[in-house]
Amino acid sequence: MADEQVSLTSLILIIVLGGLIIRYLFFSPSTPAARPVRDAQSASRAREAAVEHIQQMFPQVDRRTVLWDLHRNGGNIAATTDRILSGRIETPPVTFQPPPPPTSSSPSGTQTQPSKAPPKPAEPDLITRYKLQDKINAETETERATKAKAWSSNRDERQAALQRRRDEMILAARKKMEAKIAAEKAAGKT
């Protein structure tokens, strides 16, 4: 055993490995402390992207419910989508408080309200959008007679017929809604 010698390469290898182990154990860099913040921010961005993706598909489901289901299944969008489609999505408990939606941080801290985007203008109602104000009270028998015309082979006539049908459907829906509101008012007064 006394005749065994340690080769120069194995000695260098042992010193290098020992130095790396000592450096790892005692002189850890301070950058890993900032890394969890980045991971938390990326996780928050991924979670918000998943919530936005699901709410684009299902706008009737509120954000809190989507966050609860994503939290329960580990962020699996497909599982949440399946639960919504099958009607098995559960309402979150009262104790579940989701994180607030991220806000865009402005470089200067003095601007809080002006940094928000201006609200979208409200969509005009269908009567305004399709310019049906003059047709509200002017539905005549001639329009009903033209409605009975058969399907035309001319593209322009078909388009005009479809637009006329759309206008009639909008006006009919308006009349039904007005009748319903009038009935509710009459029931409320008695």
C-alpha atoms as a PDB file:
ATOM      1  CA  MET A   1       0.000   0.000   0.000  1.00  0.00           C
ATOM      2  CA  ALA A   2       2.865   2.338   0.627  1.00  0.00           C
ATOM      3  CA  ASP A   3       3.894   1.943  -2.985  1.00  0.00           C
ATOM      4  CA  GLU A   4       0.685   3.452  -4.296  1.00  0.00           C
ATOM      5  CA  GLN A   5       1.022   6.984  -5.529  1.00  0.00           C
ATOM      6  CA  VAL A   6      -1.676   9.460  -6.374  1.00  0.00           C
ATOM      7  CA  SER A   7      -1.333  10.616  -9.938  1.00  0.00           C
ATOM      8  CA  LEU A   8      -1.142  14.278 -10.719  1.00  0.00           C
ATOM      9  CA  THR A   9      -4.445  14.285 -12.717  1.00  0.00           C
ATOM     10  CA  SER A  10      -6.424  12.655  -9.917  1.00  0.00           C
ATOM     11  CA  LEU A  11      -4.939  15.132  -7.422  1.00  0.00           C
ATOM     12  CA  ILE A  12      -5.997  18.088  -9.594  1.00  0.00           C
ATOM     13  CA  LEU A  13      -9.464  16.569 -10.019  1.00  0.00           C
ATOM     14  CA  ILE A  14      -9.884  16.161  -6.257  1.00  0.00           C
ATOM     15  CA  ILE A  15      -8.786  19.767  -5.607  1.00  0.00           C
ATOM     16  CA  VAL A  16     -11.117  21.186  -8.272  1.00  0.00           C
ATOM     17  CA  LEU A  17     -14.109  19.169  -7.049  1.00  0.00           C
ATOM     18  CA  GLY A  18     -13.352  20.139  -3.434  1.00  0.00           C
ATOM     19  CA  GLY A  19     -13.130  23.792  -4.407  1.00  0.00           C
ATOM     20  CA  LEU A  20     -16.463  23.637  -6.252  1.00  0.00           C
ATOM     21  CA  ILE A  21     -18.174  21.950  -3.318  1.00  0.00           C
ATOM     22  CA  ILE A  22     -16.793  24.500  -0.843  1.00  0.00           C
ATOM     23  CA  ARG A  23     -17.833  27.378  -3.120  1.00  0.00           C
ATOM     24  CA  TYR A  24     -21.336  25.928  -3.514  1.00  0.00           C
ATOM     25  CA  LEU A  25     -21.807  25.394   0.215  1.00  0.00           C
ATOM     26  CA  PHE A  26     -20.294  28.582   1.623  1.00  0.00           C
ATOM     27  CA  PHE A  27     -20.236  31.201  -1.108  1.00  0.00           C
ATOM     28  CA  SER A  28     -23.625  30.946  -2.783  1.00  0.00           C
ATOM     29  CA  PRO A  29     -24.390  33.972  -4.978  1.00  0.00           C
ATOM     30  CA  SER A  30     -27.106  36.429  -3.965  1.00  0.00           C
ATOM     31  CA  THR A  31     -28.964  36.238  -7.315  1.00  0.00           C
ATOM     32  CA  PRO A  32     -31.140  33.223  -6.408  1.00  0.00           C
ATOM     33  CA  ALA A  33     -33.069  35.504  -4.033  1.00  0.00           C
ATOM     34  CA  ALA A  34     -34.309  37.485  -7.036  1.00  0.00           C
ATOM     35  CA  ARG A  35     -35.159  34.353  -8.987  1.00  0.00           C
ATOM     36  CA  PRO A  36     -38.330  33.401  -7.009  1.00  0.00           C
ATOM     37  CA  VAL A  37     -39.734  36.857  -7.738  1.00  0.00           C
ATOM     38  CA  ARG A  38     -39.241  36.253 -11.437  1.00  0.00           C
ATOM     39  CA  ASP A  39     -40.782  32.815 -11.120  1.00  0.00           C
ATOM     40  CA  ALA A  40     -43.749  34.270  -9.237  1.00  0.00           C
ATOM     41  CA  GLN A  41     -44.183  36.954 -11.888  1.00  0.00           C
ATOM     42  CA  SER A  42     -44.010  34.428 -14.718  1.00  0.00           C
ATOM     43  CA  ALA A  43     -46.453  32.152 -12.895  1.00  0.00           C
ATOM     44  CA  SER A  44     -48.792  35.112 -12.415  1.00  0.00           C
ATOM     45  CA  ARG A  45     -48.548  35.997 -16.112  1.00  0.00           C
ATOM     46  CA  ALA A  46     -49.183  32.388 -17.124  1.00  0.00           C
ATOM     47  CA  ARG A  47     -52.179  32.164 -14.771  1.00  0.00           C
ATOM     48  CA  GLU A  48     -53.665  35.405 -16.109  1.00  0.00           C
ATOM     49  CA  ALA A  49     -53.098  34.248 -19.702  1.00  0.00           C
ATOM     50  CA  ALA A  50     -54.938  31.000 -18.923  1.00  0.00           C
ATOM     51  CA  VAL A  51     -57.818  32.901 -17.289  1.00  0.00           C
ATOM     52  CA  GLU A  52     -58.057  35.270 -20.244  1.00  0.00           C
ATOM     53  CA  HIS A  53     -57.975  32.347 -22.691  1.00  0.00           C
ATOM     54  CA  ILE A  54     -60.815  30.578 -20.893  1.00  0.00           C
ATOM     55  CA  GLN A  55     -62.857  33.773 -20.534  1.00  0.00           C
ATOM     56  CA  GLN A  56     -62.540  34.396 -24.261  1.00  0.00           C
ATOM     57  CA  MET A  57     -64.148  31.013 -24.847  1.00  0.00           C
ATOM     58  CA  PHE A  58     -66.672  31.294 -22.008  1.00  0.00           C
ATOM     59  CA  PRO A  59     -67.413  34.959 -21.195  1.00  0.00           C
ATOM     60  CA  GLN A  60     -70.360  33.992 -18.984  1.00  0.00           C
ATOM     61  CA  VAL A  61     -68.035  32.385 -16.396  1.00  0.00           C
ATOM     62  CA  ASP A  62     -66.621  34.888 -13.938  1.00  0.00           C
ATOM     63  CA  ARG A  63     -62.897  35.314 -13.341  1.00  0.00           C
ATOM     64  CA  ARG A  64     -63.007  34.106  -9.737  1.00  0.00           C
ATOM     65  CA  THR A  65     -64.614  30.795 -10.710  1.00  0.00           C
ATOM     66  CA  VAL A  66     -62.083  30.215 -13.472  1.00  0.00           C
ATOM     67  CA  LEU A  67     -59.191  30.985 -11.112  1.00  0.00           C
ATOM     68  CA  TRP A  68     -60.601  28.583  -8.516  1.00  0.00           C
ATOM     69  CA  ASP A  69     -60.878  25.747 -10.994  1.00  0.00           C
ATOM     70  CA  LEU A  70     -57.405  26.412 -12.409  1.00  0.00           C
ATOM     71  CA  HIS A  71     -56.055  26.469  -8.845  1.00  0.00           C
ATOM     72  CA  ARG A  72     -57.742  23.139  -8.082  1.00  0.00           C
ATOM     73  CA  ASN A  73     -56.438  21.325 -11.155  1.00  0.00           C
ATOM     74  CA  GLY A  74     -52.947  22.801 -11.244  1.00  0.00           C
ATOM     75  CA  GLY A  75     -53.497  25.219 -14.131  1.00  0.00           C
ATOM     76  CA  ASN A  76     -54.859  22.668 -16.593  1.00  0.00           C
ATOM     77  CA  ILE A  77     -56.849  24.673 -19.150  1.00  0.00           C
ATOM     78  CA  ALA A  78     -58.275  21.575 -20.844  1.00  0.00           C
ATOM     79  CA  ALA A  79     -59.694  20.215 -17.574  1.00  0.00           C
ATOM     80  CA  THR A  80     -61.282  23.571 -16.738  1.00  0.00           C
ATOM     81  CA  THR A  81     -62.771  23.801 -20.235  1.00  0.00           C
ATOM     82  CA  ASP A  82     -64.193  20.290 -19.916  1.00  0.00           C
ATOM     83  CA  ARG A  83     -65.781  21.128 -16.556  1.00  0.00           C
ATOM     84  CA  ILE A  84     -67.373  24.270 -17.981  1.00  0.00           C
ATOM     85  CA  LEU A  85     -68.724  22.417 -21.022  1.00  0.00           C
ATOM     86  CA  SER A  86     -70.125  19.605 -18.917  1.00  0.00           C
ATOM     87  CA  GLY A  87     -71.641  22.035 -16.405  1.00  0.00           C
ATOM     88  CA  ARG A  88     -69.644  20.598 -13.511  1.00  0.00           C
ATOM     89  CA  ILE A  89     -67.725  23.758 -12.656  1.00  0.00           C
ATOM     90  CA  GLU A  90     -68.049  24.581  -8.983  1.00  0.00           C
ATOM     91  CA  THR A  91     -68.360  27.985  -7.428  1.00  0.00           C
ATOM     92  CA  PRO A  92     -65.367  28.886  -5.294  1.00  0.00           C
ATOM     93  CA  PRO A  93     -65.720  28.949  -1.529  1.00  0.00           C
ATOM     94  CA  VAL A  94     -66.054  32.263   0.260  1.00  0.00           C
ATOM     95  CA  THR A  95     -62.577  31.863   1.717  1.00  0.00           C
ATOM     96  CA  PHE A  96     -60.953  31.757  -1.737  1.00  0.00           C
ATOM     97  CA  GLN A  97     -59.573  35.191  -2.506  1.00  0.00           C
ATOM     98  CA  PRO A  98     -57.942  35.273  -5.934  1.00  0.00           C
ATOM     99  CA  PRO A  99     -55.097  37.653  -6.581  1.00  0.00           C
ATOM    100  CA  PRO A 100     -56.177  40.887  -8.223  1.00  0.00           C
ATOM    101  CA  PRO A 101     -55.726  41.130 -11.977  1.00  0.00           C
ATOM    102  CA  PRO A 102     -52.365  42.579 -12.923  1.00  0.00           C
ATOM    103  CA  THR A 103     -52.227  46.254 -13.667  1.00  0.00           C
ATOM    104  CA  SER A 104     -49.832  47.806 -16.102  1.00  0.00           C
ATOM    105  CA  SER A 105     -47.142  49.539 -14.105  1.00  0.00           C
ATOM    106  CA  SER A 106     -46.260  52.970 -15.374  1.00  0.00           C
ATOM    107  CA  PRO A 107     -42.674  54.257 -15.093  1.00  0.00           C
ATOM    108  CA  SER A 108     -43.752  57.241 -13.003  1.00  0.00           C
ATOM    109  CA  GLY A 109     -45.642  56.458  -9.832  1.00  0.00           C
ATOM    110  CA  THR A 110     -47.599  59.721  -9.951  1.00  0.00           C
ATOM    111  CA  GLN A 111     -49.960  58.646 -12.691  1.00  0.00           C
ATOM    112  CA  THR A 112     -52.551  56.154 -11.505  1.00  0.00           C
ATOM    113  CA  GLN A 113     -55.791  56.944 -13.300  1.00  0.00           C
ATOM    114  CA  PRO A 114     -54.469  58.467 -16.573  1.00  0.00           C
ATOM    115  CA  SER A 115     -52.412  55.346 -17.318  1.00  0.00           C
ATOM    116  CA  LYS A 116     -55.576  53.287 -17.784  1.00  0.00           C
ATOM    117  CA  ALA A 117     -56.929  52.929 -21.262  1.00  0.00           C
ATOM    118  CA  PRO A 118     -60.068  54.929 -21.982  1.00  0.00           C
ATOM    119  CA  PRO A 119     -63.231  52.818 -21.768  1.00  0.00           C
ATOM    120  CA  LYS A 120     -64.589  51.389 -24.974  1.00  0.00           C
ATOM    121  CA  PRO A 121     -67.494  53.278 -26.444  1.00  0.00           C
ATOM    122  CA  ALA A 122     -70.698  51.353 -25.981  1.00  0.00           C
ATOM    123  CA  GLU A 123     -71.956  49.470 -28.994  1.00  0.00           C
ATOM    124  CA  PRO A 124     -74.966  51.175 -30.537  1.00  0.00           C
ATOM    125  CA  ASP A 125     -78.198  49.280 -30.454  1.00  0.00           C
ATOM    126  CA  LEU A 126     -79.268  47.328 -33.534  1.00  0.00           C
ATOM    127  CA  ILE A 127     -81.794  49.965 -34.570  1.00  0.00           C
ATOM    128  CA  THR A 128     -79.031  52.573 -34.749  1.00  0.00           C
ATOM    129  CA  ARG A 129     -76.445  50.227 -36.233  1.00  0.00           C
ATOM    130  CA  TYR A 130     -78.660  49.178 -39.157  1.00  0.00           C
ATOM    131  CA  LYS A 131     -80.410  52.571 -39.500  1.00  0.00           C
ATOM    132  CA  LEU A 132     -83.907  51.234 -38.840  1.00  0.00           C
ATOM    133  CA  GLN A 133     -85.373  54.314 -37.107  1.00  0.00           C
ATOM    134  CA  ASP A 134     -87.590  55.159 -40.078  1.00  0.00           C
ATOM    135  CA  LYS A 135     -88.863  51.565 -40.295  1.00  0.00           C
ATOM    136  CA  ILE A 136     -89.968  51.300 -36.670  1.00  0.00           C
ATOM    137  CA  ASN A 137     -93.415  52.737 -37.313  1.00  0.00           C
ATOM    138  CA  ALA A 138     -93.505  52.452 -41.109  1.00  0.00           C
ATOM    139  CA  GLU A 139     -93.987  48.726 -41.629  1.00  0.00           C
ATOM    140  CA  THR A 140     -96.491  48.478 -44.441  1.00  0.00           C
ATOM    141  CA  GLU A 141     -98.252  45.705 -46.253  1.00  0.00           C
ATOM    142  CA  THR A 142     -96.067  46.160 -49.330  1.00  0.00           C
ATOM    143  CA  GLU A 143     -93.017  45.074 -47.336  1.00  0.00           C
ATOM    144  CA  ARG A 144     -94.858  41.976 -46.213  1.00  0.00           C
ATOM    145  CA  ALA A 145     -95.838  41.231 -49.800  1.00  0.00           C
ATOM    146  CA  THR A 146     -92.230  41.449 -50.985  1.00  0.00           C
ATOM    147  CA  LYS A 147     -91.229  39.102 -48.171  1.00  0.00           C
ATOM    148  CA  ALA A 148     -93.195  36.263 -49.750  1.00  0.00           C
ATOM    149  CA  LYS A 149     -91.044  36.326 -52.910  1.00  0.00           C
ATOM    150  CA  ALA A 150     -89.173  33.074 -53.637  1.00  0.00           C
ATOM    151  CA  TRP A 151     -85.404  32.643 -53.518  1.00  0.00           C
ATOM    152  CA  SER A 152     -83.796  34.568 -56.338  1.00  0.00           C
ATOM    153  CA  SER A 153     -80.933  33.439 -58.537  1.00  0.00           C
ATOM    154  CA  ASN A 154     -79.576  36.990 -58.580  1.00  0.00           C
ATOM    155  CA  ARG A 155     -76.989  37.593 -55.880  1.00  0.00           C
ATOM    156  CA  ASP A 156     -77.966  41.221 -55.246  1.00  0.00           C
ATOM    157  CA  GLU A 157     -81.641  40.320 -54.842  1.00  0.00           C
ATOM    158  CA  ARG A 158     -80.753  37.540 -52.391  1.00  0.00           C
ATOM    159  CA  GLN A 159     -78.598  39.921 -50.375  1.00  0.00           C
ATOM    160  CA  ALA A 160     -81.361  42.536 -50.325  1.00  0.00           C
ATOM    161  CA  ALA A 161     -83.881  39.883 -49.265  1.00  0.00           C
ATOM    162  CA  LEU A 162     -81.608  38.681 -46.449  1.00  0.00           C
ATOM    163  CA  GLN A 163     -81.008  42.234 -45.238  1.00  0.00           C
ATOM    164  CA  ARG A 164     -84.745  42.903 -45.343  1.00  0.00           C
ATOM    165  CA  ARG A 165     -85.337  39.721 -43.338  1.00  0.00           C
ATOM    166  CA  ARG A 166     -82.695  40.768 -40.793  1.00  0.00           C
ATOM    167  CA  ASP A 167     -84.368  44.167 -40.432  1.00  0.00           C
ATOM    168  CA  GLU A 168     -87.754  42.512 -39.945  1.00  0.00           C
ATOM    169  CA  MET A 169     -86.350  40.196 -37.272  1.00  0.00           C
ATOM    170  CA  ILE A 170     -84.790  43.114 -35.393  1.00  0.00           C
ATOM    171  CA  LEU A 171     -88.022  45.095 -35.519  1.00  0.00           C
ATOM    172  CA  ALA A 172     -90.062  42.068 -34.429  1.00  0.00           C
ATOM    173  CA  ALA A 173     -87.730  41.507 -31.490  1.00  0.00           C
ATOM    174  CA  ARG A 174     -88.060  45.176 -30.554  1.00  0.00           C
ATOM    175  CA  LYS A 175     -91.863  44.946 -30.632  1.00  0.00           C
ATOM    176  CA  LYS A 176     -91.792  41.831 -28.452  1.00  0.00           C
ATOM    177  CA  MET A 177     -89.485  43.520 -25.955  1.00  0.00           C
ATOM    178  CA  GLU A 178     -91.684  46.627 -25.845  1.00  0.00           C
ATOM    179  CA  ALA A 179     -94.742  44.436 -25.275  1.00  0.00           C
ATOM    180  CA  LYS A 180     -92.946  42.551 -22.503  1.00  0.00           C
ATOM    181  CA  ILE A 181     -91.854  45.779 -20.787  1.00  0.00           C
ATOM    182  CA  ALA A 182     -95.394  47.173 -21.087  1.00  0.00           C
ATOM    183  CA  ALA A 183     -96.825  43.968 -19.589  1.00  0.00           C
ATOM    184  CA  GLU A 184     -94.334  44.123 -16.702  1.00  0.00           C
ATOM    185  CA  LYS A 185     -95.232  47.758 -16.034  1.00  0.00           C
ATOM    186  CA  ALA A 186     -98.933  46.930 -16.123  1.00  0.00           C
ATOM    187  CA  ALA A 187     -98.396  44.017 -13.728  1.00  0.00           C
ATOM    188  CA  GLY A 188     -96.300  46.232 -11.467  1.00  0.00           C
ATOM    189  CA  LYS A 189     -99.025  48.909 -11.230  1.00  0.00           C
ATOM    190  CA  THR A 190    -101.775  46.489 -10.224  1.00  0.00           C
END
